[in-house]
Amino acid sequence: MTPRELAESAERLLTDPVMKKVFVDIREGLVAKLETIPLSDTETQHEITLMLQLLRNFQGKLSKYMGDEVVARHRIKQDKFIESKREGLARAANKP
């Protein structure tokens, strides 16, 4: 899968209304569990915290894939601009 395809797939997932709802529902469910478990149940607290972190990391990774593509496109655009300016300077230097 190319970086562009990866970025497009990630964007589809992050902007899909069903996926947005899934992320919200999972997070809200985990937070609700965290709020209701006994303070003495540190093992469950730890597990829920890890799940919340995993959910955040999952969303962050998808966002990173999108960002990587934006950076790559900008870099290509910048490289083309620099190359066109070099060619213009080279042509100007060769004129009498």
C-alpha atoms as a PDB file:
ATOM      1  CA  MET A   1       0.000   0.000   0.000  1.00  0.00           C
ATOM      2  CA  THR A   2       1.403   3.368  -1.000  1.00  0.00           C
ATOM      3  CA  PRO A   3       1.589   6.226   1.504  1.00  0.00           C
ATOM      4  CA  ARG A   4      -1.163   7.980  -0.430  1.00  0.00           C
ATOM      5  CA  GLU A   5      -3.454   4.943  -0.288  1.00  0.00           C
ATOM      6  CA  LEU A   6      -2.702   4.562   3.406  1.00  0.00           C
ATOM      7  CA  ALA A   7      -3.525   8.219   4.044  1.00  0.00           C
ATOM      8  CA  GLU A   8      -6.764   8.009   2.045  1.00  0.00           C
ATOM      9  CA  SER A   9      -7.857   4.885   3.921  1.00  0.00           C
ATOM     10  CA  ALA A  10      -7.007   6.500   7.248  1.00  0.00           C
ATOM     11  CA  GLU A  11      -8.964   9.609   6.325  1.00  0.00           C
ATOM     12  CA  ARG A  12     -11.998   7.527   5.318  1.00  0.00           C
ATOM     13  CA  LEU A  13     -11.906   5.773   8.690  1.00  0.00           C
ATOM     14  CA  LEU A  14     -11.462   8.942  10.726  1.00  0.00           C
ATOM     15  CA  THR A  15     -14.201  10.853   8.912  1.00  0.00           C
ATOM     16  CA  ASP A  16     -16.710   8.014   8.659  1.00  0.00           C
ATOM     17  CA  PRO A  17     -19.695   8.814  10.923  1.00  0.00           C
ATOM     18  CA  VAL A  18     -20.005   5.206  12.093  1.00  0.00           C
ATOM     19  CA  MET A  19     -16.313   5.024  13.023  1.00  0.00           C
ATOM     20  CA  LYS A  20     -16.549   8.349  14.838  1.00  0.00           C
ATOM     21  CA  LYS A  21     -19.455   6.971  16.840  1.00  0.00           C
ATOM     22  CA  VAL A  22     -17.554   3.761  17.548  1.00  0.00           C
ATOM     23  CA  PHE A  23     -14.593   5.716  18.944  1.00  0.00           C
ATOM     24  CA  VAL A  24     -16.855   7.880  21.104  1.00  0.00           C
ATOM     25  CA  ASP A  25     -18.928   4.923  22.344  1.00  0.00           C
ATOM     26  CA  ILE A  26     -15.852   2.863  23.235  1.00  0.00           C
ATOM     27  CA  ARG A  27     -14.268   5.781  25.092  1.00  0.00           C
ATOM     28  CA  GLU A  28     -17.451   6.658  26.945  1.00  0.00           C
ATOM     29  CA  GLY A  29     -17.979   3.010  27.906  1.00  0.00           C
ATOM     30  CA  LEU A  30     -14.455   2.694  29.263  1.00  0.00           C
ATOM     31  CA  VAL A  31     -14.705   5.957  31.209  1.00  0.00           C
ATOM     32  CA  ALA A  32     -18.065   4.868  32.655  1.00  0.00           C
ATOM     33  CA  LYS A  33     -16.510   1.591  33.813  1.00  0.00           C
ATOM     34  CA  LEU A  34     -13.561   3.433  35.289  1.00  0.00           C
ATOM     35  CA  GLU A  35     -15.907   5.685  37.245  1.00  0.00           C
ATOM     36  CA  THR A  36     -17.879   2.787  38.737  1.00  0.00           C
ATOM     37  CA  ILE A  37     -15.235   0.257  39.737  1.00  0.00           C
ATOM     38  CA  PRO A  38     -14.094   0.194  43.353  1.00  0.00           C
ATOM     39  CA  LEU A  39     -10.980   2.203  44.146  1.00  0.00           C
ATOM     40  CA  SER A  40      -9.422  -0.954  45.516  1.00  0.00           C
ATOM     41  CA  ASP A  41      -9.626  -2.676  42.096  1.00  0.00           C
ATOM     42  CA  THR A  42      -6.355  -1.293  40.772  1.00  0.00           C
ATOM     43  CA  GLU A  43      -5.898  -4.133  38.297  1.00  0.00           C
ATOM     44  CA  THR A  44      -9.120  -3.277  36.469  1.00  0.00           C
ATOM     45  CA  GLN A  45      -8.278   0.438  36.643  1.00  0.00           C
ATOM     46  CA  HIS A  46      -4.946  -0.327  35.027  1.00  0.00           C
ATOM     47  CA  GLU A  47      -6.543  -2.445  32.278  1.00  0.00           C
ATOM     48  CA  ILE A  48      -9.108   0.217  31.448  1.00  0.00           C
ATOM     49  CA  THR A  49      -6.411   2.882  31.381  1.00  0.00           C
ATOM     50  CA  LEU A  50      -4.414   0.757  28.956  1.00  0.00           C
ATOM     51  CA  MET A  51      -7.499   0.343  26.752  1.00  0.00           C
ATOM     52  CA  LEU A  52      -8.068   4.106  26.729  1.00  0.00           C
ATOM     53  CA  GLN A  53      -4.443   4.655  25.774  1.00  0.00           C
ATOM     54  CA  LEU A  54      -4.701   2.053  23.020  1.00  0.00           C
ATOM     55  CA  LEU A  55      -7.802   3.742  21.622  1.00  0.00           C
ATOM     56  CA  ARG A  56      -6.012   7.117  21.634  1.00  0.00           C
ATOM     57  CA  ASN A  57      -2.915   5.590  20.030  1.00  0.00           C
ATOM     58  CA  PHE A  58      -5.051   3.937  17.341  1.00  0.00           C
ATOM     59  CA  GLN A  59      -6.684   7.243  16.426  1.00  0.00           C
ATOM     60  CA  GLY A  60      -3.318   8.984  16.599  1.00  0.00           C
ATOM     61  CA  LYS A  61      -1.731   6.499  14.230  1.00  0.00           C
ATOM     62  CA  LEU A  62      -4.507   7.034  11.682  1.00  0.00           C
ATOM     63  CA  SER A  63      -4.029  10.808  11.984  1.00  0.00           C
ATOM     64  CA  LYS A  64      -0.284  10.367  11.523  1.00  0.00           C
ATOM     65  CA  TYR A  65      -0.835   8.443   8.297  1.00  0.00           C
ATOM     66  CA  MET A  66      -2.930  11.342   7.017  1.00  0.00           C
ATOM     67  CA  GLY A  67      -0.330  13.873   8.127  1.00  0.00           C
ATOM     68  CA  ASP A  68       2.515  11.955   6.533  1.00  0.00           C
ATOM     69  CA  GLU A  69       0.764  12.177   3.170  1.00  0.00           C
ATOM     70  CA  VAL A  70       0.189  15.919   3.555  1.00  0.00           C
ATOM     71  CA  VAL A  71       3.877  16.410   4.327  1.00  0.00           C
ATOM     72  CA  ALA A  72       4.909  14.219   1.391  1.00  0.00           C
ATOM     73  CA  ARG A  73       2.677  16.165  -1.033  1.00  0.00           C
ATOM     74  CA  HIS A  74       4.052  19.461   0.274  1.00  0.00           C
ATOM     75  CA  ARG A  75       7.619  18.189  -0.092  1.00  0.00           C
ATOM     76  CA  ILE A  76       6.978  17.173  -3.716  1.00  0.00           C
ATOM     77  CA  LYS A  77       5.431  20.573  -4.449  1.00  0.00           C
ATOM     78  CA  GLN A  78       8.376  22.311  -2.811  1.00  0.00           C
ATOM     79  CA  ASP A  79      10.903  20.199  -4.753  1.00  0.00           C
ATOM     80  CA  LYS A  80       9.159  21.028  -8.043  1.00  0.00           C
ATOM     81  CA  PHE A  81       9.198  24.728  -7.178  1.00  0.00           C
ATOM     82  CA  ILE A  82      12.905  24.657  -6.350  1.00  0.00           C
ATOM     83  CA  GLU A  83      13.694  22.738  -9.526  1.00  0.00           C
ATOM     84  CA  SER A  84      11.753  25.229 -11.665  1.00  0.00           C
ATOM     85  CA  LYS A  85      13.663  28.129 -10.076  1.00  0.00           C
ATOM     86  CA  ARG A  86      16.990  26.362 -10.702  1.00  0.00           C
ATOM     87  CA  GLU A  87      16.052  25.823 -14.332  1.00  0.00           C
ATOM     88  CA  GLY A  88      15.071  29.487 -14.647  1.00  0.00           C
ATOM     89  CA  LEU A  89      18.374  30.591 -13.141  1.00  0.00           C
ATOM     90  CA  ALA A  90      20.289  28.228 -15.423  1.00  0.00           C
ATOM     91  CA  ARG A  91      18.490  29.609 -18.494  1.00  0.00           C
ATOM     92  CA  ALA A  92      19.131  33.162 -17.355  1.00  0.00           C
ATOM     93  CA  ALA A  93      22.827  32.401 -16.845  1.00  0.00           C
ATOM     94  CA  ASN A  94      23.145  30.974 -20.385  1.00  0.00           C
ATOM     95  CA  LYS A  95      21.625  34.054 -22.075  1.00  0.00           C
ATOM     96  CA  PRO A  96      24.077  36.597 -23.481  1.00  0.00           C
END
